[in-house]
């Protein structure tokens, strides 16, 4: 067991630290089963609840995942590195490449749920898009799945008057997606603003992202602006915090 300042930690934290170190050192690799509650109780002389809490810490951190009836295993999943600047460069989506291609490398990100509807603009979105609350907006809701695991929920809002009659109002918006369609009607984005915060998921997010209890989510709200300064899209994204690394690379 660790000594020194570590002794001030709760027992379950010290056990979690030891298990995490074993994963980092390669003692347990992706897909390996971690010691169960009974094993930890015997090894560390703790109660079942303490052993359960220790394993729960690793699950919350995204290091491990529970499999019903089988135990807790080292998560066989590489976090997705989200390149916040490069992915939105016009030369990427403007040349026929999805903005997601900046993040994926040789991996496949799929949309397994999509819904498009015309709804009344929520107050906070209306103010950004320059419409009145309740005015019609096109709402695109999607769930993204990486390596068979849901990692992102996306809800885009666009003025219904702006995109009326375009492929943006269909489930399949065509190659490259919304920004390419906006460019076709002279409303291509030339500037973006992203606001980032985190919180615990609500019940719907917990279910749709298939999150382990205690896993936080990252909220990214992106606004796309056209050359005339008007906002043409508000995209509210909910990311599984255990599945993402946010990277921002820019010149000084």
C-alpha atoms as a PDB file:
ATOM      1  CA  UNK A   1       0.000   0.000   0.000  1.00  0.00           C
ATOM      2  CA  UNK A   2       1.240   3.559  -0.637  1.00  0.00           C
ATOM      3  CA  UNK A   3       2.729   5.417   2.292  1.00  0.00           C
ATOM      4  CA  UNK A   4       3.135   9.078   3.183  1.00  0.00           C
ATOM      5  CA  UNK A   5       0.439  11.486   2.040  1.00  0.00           C
ATOM      6  CA  UNK A   6      -1.369   8.626   0.320  1.00  0.00           C
ATOM      7  CA  UNK A   7      -2.303   7.215   3.734  1.00  0.00           C
ATOM      8  CA  UNK A   8      -4.606  10.221   4.190  1.00  0.00           C
ATOM      9  CA  UNK A   9      -6.679   9.080   1.220  1.00  0.00           C
ATOM     10  CA  UNK A  10      -9.744   6.885   1.700  1.00  0.00           C
ATOM     11  CA  UNK A  11      -8.950   3.187   1.343  1.00  0.00           C
ATOM     12  CA  UNK A  12     -10.951   2.861  -1.875  1.00  0.00           C
ATOM     13  CA  UNK A  13      -8.893   5.656  -3.438  1.00  0.00           C
ATOM     14  CA  UNK A  14      -5.631   3.944  -2.547  1.00  0.00           C
ATOM     15  CA  UNK A  15      -6.874   0.691  -4.051  1.00  0.00           C
ATOM     16  CA  UNK A  16      -8.018   2.529  -7.192  1.00  0.00           C
ATOM     17  CA  UNK A  17      -4.584   4.180  -7.470  1.00  0.00           C
ATOM     18  CA  UNK A  18      -2.890   0.782  -7.251  1.00  0.00           C
ATOM     19  CA  UNK A  19      -5.145  -0.690  -9.928  1.00  0.00           C
ATOM     20  CA  UNK A  20      -4.633   2.334 -12.168  1.00  0.00           C
ATOM     21  CA  UNK A  21      -0.862   2.008 -11.792  1.00  0.00           C
ATOM     22  CA  UNK A  22      -1.118  -1.673 -12.729  1.00  0.00           C
ATOM     23  CA  UNK A  23      -3.023  -0.736 -15.896  1.00  0.00           C
ATOM     24  CA  UNK A  24      -0.526   2.020 -16.761  1.00  0.00           C
ATOM     25  CA  UNK A  25       2.411  -0.378 -16.305  1.00  0.00           C
ATOM     26  CA  UNK A  26       0.861  -2.976 -18.606  1.00  0.00           C
ATOM     27  CA  UNK A  27       0.169  -5.527 -15.914  1.00  0.00           C
ATOM     28  CA  UNK A  28      -3.441  -5.352 -17.052  1.00  0.00           C
ATOM     29  CA  UNK A  29      -4.013  -4.656 -20.740  1.00  0.00           C
ATOM     30  CA  UNK A  30      -7.054  -3.657 -22.752  1.00  0.00           C
ATOM     31  CA  UNK A  31      -9.694  -6.345 -22.398  1.00  0.00           C
ATOM     32  CA  UNK A  32      -8.150  -7.941 -19.291  1.00  0.00           C
ATOM     33  CA  UNK A  33     -10.363  -8.659 -16.304  1.00  0.00           C
ATOM     34  CA  UNK A  34      -9.442  -6.692 -13.183  1.00  0.00           C
ATOM     35  CA  UNK A  35      -9.491  -8.261  -9.696  1.00  0.00           C
ATOM     36  CA  UNK A  36     -13.078  -8.586  -8.508  1.00  0.00           C
ATOM     37  CA  UNK A  37     -14.613  -7.411  -5.273  1.00  0.00           C
ATOM     38  CA  UNK A  38     -13.775 -10.670  -3.471  1.00  0.00           C
ATOM     39  CA  UNK A  39     -10.159 -10.498  -4.658  1.00  0.00           C
ATOM     40  CA  UNK A  40      -9.770  -6.911  -3.460  1.00  0.00           C
ATOM     41  CA  UNK A  41     -11.412  -7.681  -0.125  1.00  0.00           C
ATOM     42  CA  UNK A  42      -8.909 -10.459   0.479  1.00  0.00           C
ATOM     43  CA  UNK A  43      -5.845  -8.598  -0.792  1.00  0.00           C
ATOM     44  CA  UNK A  44      -6.476  -5.310   1.018  1.00  0.00           C
ATOM     45  CA  UNK A  45      -8.532  -6.483   3.976  1.00  0.00           C
ATOM     46  CA  UNK A  46     -11.441  -4.156   3.207  1.00  0.00           C
ATOM     47  CA  UNK A  47     -15.218  -4.400   3.158  1.00  0.00           C
ATOM     48  CA  UNK A  48     -17.116  -5.195  -0.017  1.00  0.00           C
ATOM     49  CA  UNK A  49     -18.382  -1.606  -0.336  1.00  0.00           C
ATOM     50  CA  UNK A  50     -14.801  -0.299  -0.281  1.00  0.00           C
ATOM     51  CA  UNK A  51     -13.776  -2.743  -3.009  1.00  0.00           C
ATOM     52  CA  UNK A  52     -16.823  -1.777  -5.052  1.00  0.00           C
ATOM     53  CA  UNK A  53     -16.020   1.926  -4.703  1.00  0.00           C
ATOM     54  CA  UNK A  54     -12.446   1.340  -5.880  1.00  0.00           C
ATOM     55  CA  UNK A  55     -13.620  -0.395  -9.042  1.00  0.00           C
ATOM     56  CA  UNK A  56     -16.230   2.322  -9.496  1.00  0.00           C
ATOM     57  CA  UNK A  57     -13.505   4.982  -9.580  1.00  0.00           C
ATOM     58  CA  UNK A  58     -11.832   3.295 -12.565  1.00  0.00           C
ATOM     59  CA  UNK A  59     -15.174   3.006 -14.345  1.00  0.00           C
ATOM     60  CA  UNK A  60     -15.936   6.680 -13.777  1.00  0.00           C
ATOM     61  CA  UNK A  61     -12.511   7.615 -15.163  1.00  0.00           C
ATOM     62  CA  UNK A  62     -13.188   5.564 -18.290  1.00  0.00           C
ATOM     63  CA  UNK A  63     -10.313   3.173 -17.556  1.00  0.00           C
ATOM     64  CA  UNK A  64     -12.545   0.166 -16.918  1.00  0.00           C
ATOM     65  CA  UNK A  65     -16.039  -1.033 -17.756  1.00  0.00           C
ATOM     66  CA  UNK A  66     -18.348  -3.513 -16.056  1.00  0.00           C
ATOM     67  CA  UNK A  67     -19.747  -6.441 -18.016  1.00  0.00           C
ATOM     68  CA  UNK A  68     -22.875  -7.895 -16.513  1.00  0.00           C
ATOM     69  CA  UNK A  69     -22.200 -11.251 -14.902  1.00  0.00           C
ATOM     70  CA  UNK A  70     -18.541 -11.247 -15.964  1.00  0.00           C
ATOM     71  CA  UNK A  71     -16.742  -8.622 -13.876  1.00  0.00           C
ATOM     72  CA  UNK A  72     -14.858  -5.372 -14.490  1.00  0.00           C
ATOM     73  CA  UNK A  73     -12.459  -5.183 -17.447  1.00  0.00           C
ATOM     74  CA  UNK A  74      -9.843  -2.730 -18.686  1.00  0.00           C
ATOM     75  CA  UNK A  75     -11.594  -0.652 -21.288  1.00  0.00           C
ATOM     76  CA  UNK A  76     -10.579  -1.572 -24.811  1.00  0.00           C
ATOM     77  CA  UNK A  77     -11.063   1.895 -26.243  1.00  0.00           C
ATOM     78  CA  UNK A  78      -8.791   4.698 -27.419  1.00  0.00           C
ATOM     79  CA  UNK A  79     -10.071   8.205 -26.619  1.00  0.00           C
ATOM     80  CA  UNK A  80     -10.867  10.351 -29.643  1.00  0.00           C
ATOM     81  CA  UNK A  81      -8.543  13.353 -29.957  1.00  0.00           C
ATOM     82  CA  UNK A  82     -10.697  16.290 -31.046  1.00  0.00           C
ATOM     83  CA  UNK A  83      -8.587  18.852 -32.928  1.00  0.00           C
ATOM     84  CA  UNK A  84     -10.598  21.969 -32.148  1.00  0.00           C
ATOM     85  CA  UNK A  85      -8.913  24.318 -34.648  1.00  0.00           C
ATOM     86  CA  UNK A  86      -7.843  22.177 -37.611  1.00  0.00           C
ATOM     87  CA  UNK A  87     -11.195  20.399 -37.932  1.00  0.00           C
ATOM     88  CA  UNK A  88     -13.042  23.649 -38.724  1.00  0.00           C
ATOM     89  CA  UNK A  89     -10.606  24.952 -41.330  1.00  0.00           C
ATOM     90  CA  UNK A  90     -12.389  25.840 -44.569  1.00  0.00           C
ATOM     91  CA  UNK A  91      -9.830  23.979 -46.659  1.00  0.00           C
ATOM     92  CA  UNK A  92     -11.047  20.792 -44.967  1.00  0.00           C
ATOM     93  CA  UNK A  93     -14.838  20.884 -45.415  1.00  0.00           C
ATOM     94  CA  UNK A  94     -14.522  23.177 -48.429  1.00  0.00           C
ATOM     95  CA  UNK A  95     -12.465  20.559 -50.265  1.00  0.00           C
ATOM     96  CA  UNK A  96     -14.910  17.723 -49.706  1.00  0.00           C
ATOM     97  CA  UNK A  97     -13.586  16.308 -46.430  1.00  0.00           C
ATOM     98  CA  UNK A  98     -15.740  15.964 -43.342  1.00  0.00           C
ATOM     99  CA  UNK A  99     -14.694  18.041 -40.324  1.00  0.00           C
ATOM    100  CA  UNK A 100     -14.584  14.732 -38.429  1.00  0.00           C
ATOM    101  CA  UNK A 101     -11.732  13.469 -40.625  1.00  0.00           C
ATOM    102  CA  UNK A 102      -9.315  15.673 -38.661  1.00  0.00           C
ATOM    103  CA  UNK A 103      -9.978  13.597 -35.548  1.00  0.00           C
ATOM    104  CA  UNK A 104     -10.335  10.031 -36.725  1.00  0.00           C
ATOM    105  CA  UNK A 105      -7.172   8.796 -38.406  1.00  0.00           C
ATOM    106  CA  UNK A 106      -7.931   5.208 -39.440  1.00  0.00           C
ATOM    107  CA  UNK A 107     -11.051   4.921 -37.271  1.00  0.00           C
ATOM    108  CA  UNK A 108     -14.702   5.081 -38.272  1.00  0.00           C
ATOM    109  CA  UNK A 109     -17.224   7.494 -36.765  1.00  0.00           C
ATOM    110  CA  UNK A 110     -20.810   6.738 -37.726  1.00  0.00           C
ATOM    111  CA  UNK A 111     -24.154   8.433 -37.232  1.00  0.00           C
ATOM    112  CA  UNK A 112     -26.586   5.781 -36.015  1.00  0.00           C
ATOM    113  CA  UNK A 113     -29.437   8.105 -35.028  1.00  0.00           C
ATOM    114  CA  UNK A 114     -30.604  11.158 -36.954  1.00  0.00           C
ATOM    115  CA  UNK A 115     -33.769  13.216 -36.799  1.00  0.00           C
ATOM    116  CA  UNK A 116     -34.598  16.470 -38.574  1.00  0.00           C
ATOM    117  CA  UNK A 117     -37.567  18.635 -37.668  1.00  0.00           C
ATOM    118  CA  UNK A 118     -38.861  22.183 -37.799  1.00  0.00           C
ATOM    119  CA  UNK A 119     -39.423  23.527 -34.308  1.00  0.00           C
ATOM    120  CA  UNK A 120     -39.819  26.787 -32.471  1.00  0.00           C
ATOM    121  CA  UNK A 121     -36.502  28.407 -31.585  1.00  0.00           C
ATOM    122  CA  UNK A 122     -35.494  28.091 -27.912  1.00  0.00           C
ATOM    123  CA  UNK A 123     -34.905  31.490 -26.335  1.00  0.00           C
ATOM    124  CA  UNK A 124     -31.122  31.150 -25.979  1.00  0.00           C
ATOM    125  CA  UNK A 125     -30.741  29.928 -29.570  1.00  0.00           C
ATOM    126  CA  UNK A 126     -33.091  32.548 -30.994  1.00  0.00           C
ATOM    127  CA  UNK A 127     -30.951  35.351 -29.589  1.00  0.00           C
ATOM    128  CA  UNK A 128     -27.831  34.004 -31.284  1.00  0.00           C
ATOM    129  CA  UNK A 129     -29.484  33.304 -34.654  1.00  0.00           C
ATOM    130  CA  UNK A 130     -31.195  36.693 -34.690  1.00  0.00           C
ATOM    131  CA  UNK A 131     -34.749  35.345 -34.736  1.00  0.00           C
ATOM    132  CA  UNK A 132     -37.579  35.647 -32.234  1.00  0.00           C
ATOM    133  CA  UNK A 133     -38.152  32.921 -29.633  1.00  0.00           C
ATOM    134  CA  UNK A 134     -40.602  30.436 -31.114  1.00  0.00           C
ATOM    135  CA  UNK A 135     -39.759  31.364 -34.717  1.00  0.00           C
ATOM    136  CA  UNK A 136     -39.266  28.273 -36.920  1.00  0.00           C
ATOM    137  CA  UNK A 137     -35.803  26.751 -36.939  1.00  0.00           C
ATOM    138  CA  UNK A 138     -34.466  23.596 -38.575  1.00  0.00           C
ATOM    139  CA  UNK A 139     -33.225  21.233 -35.870  1.00  0.00           C
ATOM    140  CA  UNK A 140     -30.848  18.381 -36.717  1.00  0.00           C
ATOM    141  CA  UNK A 141     -30.300  15.798 -33.938  1.00  0.00           C
ATOM    142  CA  UNK A 142     -27.649  13.101 -34.352  1.00  0.00           C
ATOM    143  CA  UNK A 143     -25.856  10.467 -32.299  1.00  0.00           C
ATOM    144  CA  UNK A 144     -22.298   9.560 -33.252  1.00  0.00           C
ATOM    145  CA  UNK A 145     -20.804   6.123 -32.590  1.00  0.00           C
ATOM    146  CA  UNK A 146     -17.064   5.349 -32.542  1.00  0.00           C
ATOM    147  CA  UNK A 147     -15.820   1.745 -32.602  1.00  0.00           C
ATOM    148  CA  UNK A 148     -19.341   0.601 -31.742  1.00  0.00           C
ATOM    149  CA  UNK A 149     -19.638   2.955 -28.745  1.00  0.00           C
ATOM    150  CA  UNK A 150     -21.852   6.105 -28.633  1.00  0.00           C
ATOM    151  CA  UNK A 151     -19.605   9.086 -27.867  1.00  0.00           C
ATOM    152  CA  UNK A 152     -21.428  12.250 -28.962  1.00  0.00           C
ATOM    153  CA  UNK A 153     -24.898  13.780 -29.185  1.00  0.00           C
ATOM    154  CA  UNK A 154     -25.260  16.747 -31.537  1.00  0.00           C
ATOM    155  CA  UNK A 155     -28.163  19.169 -31.939  1.00  0.00           C
ATOM    156  CA  UNK A 156     -27.854  21.815 -34.664  1.00  0.00           C
ATOM    157  CA  UNK A 157     -30.166  24.816 -35.022  1.00  0.00           C
ATOM    158  CA  UNK A 158     -30.450  26.815 -38.247  1.00  0.00           C
ATOM    159  CA  UNK A 159     -32.970  29.447 -39.321  1.00  0.00           C
ATOM    160  CA  UNK A 160     -35.759  27.667 -41.202  1.00  0.00           C
ATOM    161  CA  UNK A 161     -35.978  30.571 -43.644  1.00  0.00           C
ATOM    162  CA  UNK A 162     -32.256  30.283 -44.426  1.00  0.00           C
ATOM    163  CA  UNK A 163     -32.198  26.555 -45.224  1.00  0.00           C
ATOM    164  CA  UNK A 164     -35.706  26.101 -46.659  1.00  0.00           C
ATOM    165  CA  UNK A 165     -35.586  23.890 -49.754  1.00  0.00           C
ATOM    166  CA  UNK A 166     -32.000  22.746 -49.153  1.00  0.00           C
ATOM    167  CA  UNK A 167     -30.616  19.327 -48.235  1.00  0.00           C
ATOM    168  CA  UNK A 168     -29.996  20.626 -44.702  1.00  0.00           C
ATOM    169  CA  UNK A 169     -33.668  19.910 -44.012  1.00  0.00           C
ATOM    170  CA  UNK A 170     -33.239  16.234 -44.955  1.00  0.00           C
ATOM    171  CA  UNK A 171     -31.754  13.468 -42.820  1.00  0.00           C
ATOM    172  CA  UNK A 172     -29.016  12.955 -45.409  1.00  0.00           C
ATOM    173  CA  UNK A 173     -27.615  16.433 -46.006  1.00  0.00           C
ATOM    174  CA  UNK A 174     -25.201  15.161 -48.650  1.00  0.00           C
ATOM    175  CA  UNK A 175     -21.401  14.945 -48.914  1.00  0.00           C
ATOM    176  CA  UNK A 176     -19.383  16.754 -46.215  1.00  0.00           C
ATOM    177  CA  UNK A 177     -22.548  17.957 -44.487  1.00  0.00           C
ATOM    178  CA  UNK A 178     -24.194  21.169 -43.361  1.00  0.00           C
ATOM    179  CA  UNK A 179     -21.334  23.619 -43.951  1.00  0.00           C
ATOM    180  CA  UNK A 180     -20.963  22.584 -47.580  1.00  0.00           C
ATOM    181  CA  UNK A 181     -24.713  23.068 -48.057  1.00  0.00           C
ATOM    182  CA  UNK A 182     -24.544  26.525 -46.474  1.00  0.00           C
ATOM    183  CA  UNK A 183     -21.715  27.425 -48.863  1.00  0.00           C
ATOM    184  CA  UNK A 184     -23.958  26.501 -51.794  1.00  0.00           C
ATOM    185  CA  UNK A 185     -26.474  29.172 -50.757  1.00  0.00           C
ATOM    186  CA  UNK A 186     -23.872  31.851 -50.053  1.00  0.00           C
ATOM    187  CA  UNK A 187     -23.911  31.451 -46.279  1.00  0.00           C
ATOM    188  CA  UNK A 188     -20.673  29.543 -45.759  1.00  0.00           C
ATOM    189  CA  UNK A 189     -19.124  29.852 -42.301  1.00  0.00           C
ATOM    190  CA  UNK A 190     -15.975  31.985 -42.132  1.00  0.00           C
ATOM    191  CA  UNK A 191     -15.627  32.164 -38.348  1.00  0.00           C
ATOM    192  CA  UNK A 192     -16.523  29.921 -35.412  1.00  0.00           C
ATOM    193  CA  UNK A 193     -16.908  30.373 -31.685  1.00  0.00           C
ATOM    194  CA  UNK A 194     -16.898  27.436 -29.243  1.00  0.00           C
ATOM    195  CA  UNK A 195     -17.892  27.571 -25.596  1.00  0.00           C
ATOM    196  CA  UNK A 196     -16.932  24.569 -23.437  1.00  0.00           C
ATOM    197  CA  UNK A 197     -18.091  23.479 -20.013  1.00  0.00           C
ATOM    198  CA  UNK A 198     -18.787  20.222 -18.193  1.00  0.00           C
ATOM    199  CA  UNK A 199     -21.470  18.777 -15.935  1.00  0.00           C
ATOM    200  CA  UNK A 200     -23.071  15.490 -15.019  1.00  0.00           C
ATOM    201  CA  UNK A 201     -25.426  14.028 -17.676  1.00  0.00           C
ATOM    202  CA  UNK A 202     -29.193  14.088 -17.436  1.00  0.00           C
ATOM    203  CA  UNK A 203     -31.160  10.843 -17.704  1.00  0.00           C
ATOM    204  CA  UNK A 204     -31.598  11.052 -21.480  1.00  0.00           C
ATOM    205  CA  UNK A 205     -27.885  11.676 -22.057  1.00  0.00           C
ATOM    206  CA  UNK A 206     -26.954   8.905 -19.640  1.00  0.00           C
ATOM    207  CA  UNK A 207     -29.125   6.482 -21.599  1.00  0.00           C
ATOM    208  CA  UNK A 208     -28.271   7.557 -25.156  1.00  0.00           C
ATOM    209  CA  UNK A 209     -24.518   7.700 -24.513  1.00  0.00           C
ATOM    210  CA  UNK A 210     -24.664   4.471 -22.472  1.00  0.00           C
ATOM    211  CA  UNK A 211     -22.619   6.088 -19.720  1.00  0.00           C
ATOM    212  CA  UNK A 212     -21.491   4.479 -16.507  1.00  0.00           C
ATOM    213  CA  UNK A 213     -23.034   6.225 -13.505  1.00  0.00           C
ATOM    214  CA  UNK A 214     -20.736   9.028 -12.333  1.00  0.00           C
ATOM    215  CA  UNK A 215     -19.245   9.762 -15.775  1.00  0.00           C
ATOM    216  CA  UNK A 216     -19.401  13.490 -16.622  1.00  0.00           C
ATOM    217  CA  UNK A 217     -20.094  14.966 -20.043  1.00  0.00           C
ATOM    218  CA  UNK A 218     -18.388  17.792 -21.917  1.00  0.00           C
ATOM    219  CA  UNK A 219     -20.668  20.409 -23.463  1.00  0.00           C
ATOM    220  CA  UNK A 220     -19.439  22.180 -26.587  1.00  0.00           C
ATOM    221  CA  UNK A 221     -21.621  24.930 -28.027  1.00  0.00           C
ATOM    222  CA  UNK A 222     -20.355  26.005 -31.449  1.00  0.00           C
ATOM    223  CA  UNK A 223     -21.687  28.996 -33.354  1.00  0.00           C
ATOM    224  CA  UNK A 224     -20.872  29.380 -37.060  1.00  0.00           C
ATOM    225  CA  UNK A 225     -20.783  32.894 -38.551  1.00  0.00           C
ATOM    226  CA  UNK A 226     -21.060  33.919 -42.204  1.00  0.00           C
ATOM    227  CA  UNK A 227     -18.974  36.677 -43.830  1.00  0.00           C
ATOM    228  CA  UNK A 228     -21.628  39.302 -43.068  1.00  0.00           C
ATOM    229  CA  UNK A 229     -21.355  38.550 -39.353  1.00  0.00           C
ATOM    230  CA  UNK A 230     -24.666  36.736 -38.911  1.00  0.00           C
ATOM    231  CA  UNK A 231     -24.819  33.445 -37.050  1.00  0.00           C
ATOM    232  CA  UNK A 232     -25.942  30.680 -39.420  1.00  0.00           C
ATOM    233  CA  UNK A 233     -25.780  27.681 -37.089  1.00  0.00           C
ATOM    234  CA  UNK A 234     -25.761  26.894 -33.385  1.00  0.00           C
ATOM    235  CA  UNK A 235     -24.558  23.367 -32.631  1.00  0.00           C
ATOM    236  CA  UNK A 236     -24.935  22.058 -29.078  1.00  0.00           C
ATOM    237  CA  UNK A 237     -22.828  18.926 -28.523  1.00  0.00           C
ATOM    238  CA  UNK A 238     -22.709  16.547 -25.567  1.00  0.00           C
ATOM    239  CA  UNK A 239     -19.518  14.456 -25.408  1.00  0.00           C
ATOM    240  CA  UNK A 240     -18.720  11.450 -23.245  1.00  0.00           C
ATOM    241  CA  UNK A 241     -15.862  12.937 -21.195  1.00  0.00           C
ATOM    242  CA  UNK A 242     -14.147   9.549 -20.964  1.00  0.00           C
ATOM    243  CA  UNK A 243     -14.063   9.219 -24.755  1.00  0.00           C
ATOM    244  CA  UNK A 244     -12.452  12.535 -25.727  1.00  0.00           C
ATOM    245  CA  UNK A 245      -9.250  14.508 -25.494  1.00  0.00           C
ATOM    246  CA  UNK A 246      -9.794  18.148 -26.551  1.00  0.00           C
ATOM    247  CA  UNK A 247      -6.774  19.533 -28.391  1.00  0.00           C
ATOM    248  CA  UNK A 248      -6.279  23.155 -29.509  1.00  0.00           C
ATOM    249  CA  UNK A 249      -3.176  23.901 -31.575  1.00  0.00           C
ATOM    250  CA  UNK A 250      -2.644  27.472 -32.786  1.00  0.00           C
ATOM    251  CA  UNK A 251       0.104  30.001 -33.449  1.00  0.00           C
ATOM    252  CA  UNK A 252       1.139  32.504 -30.798  1.00  0.00           C
END
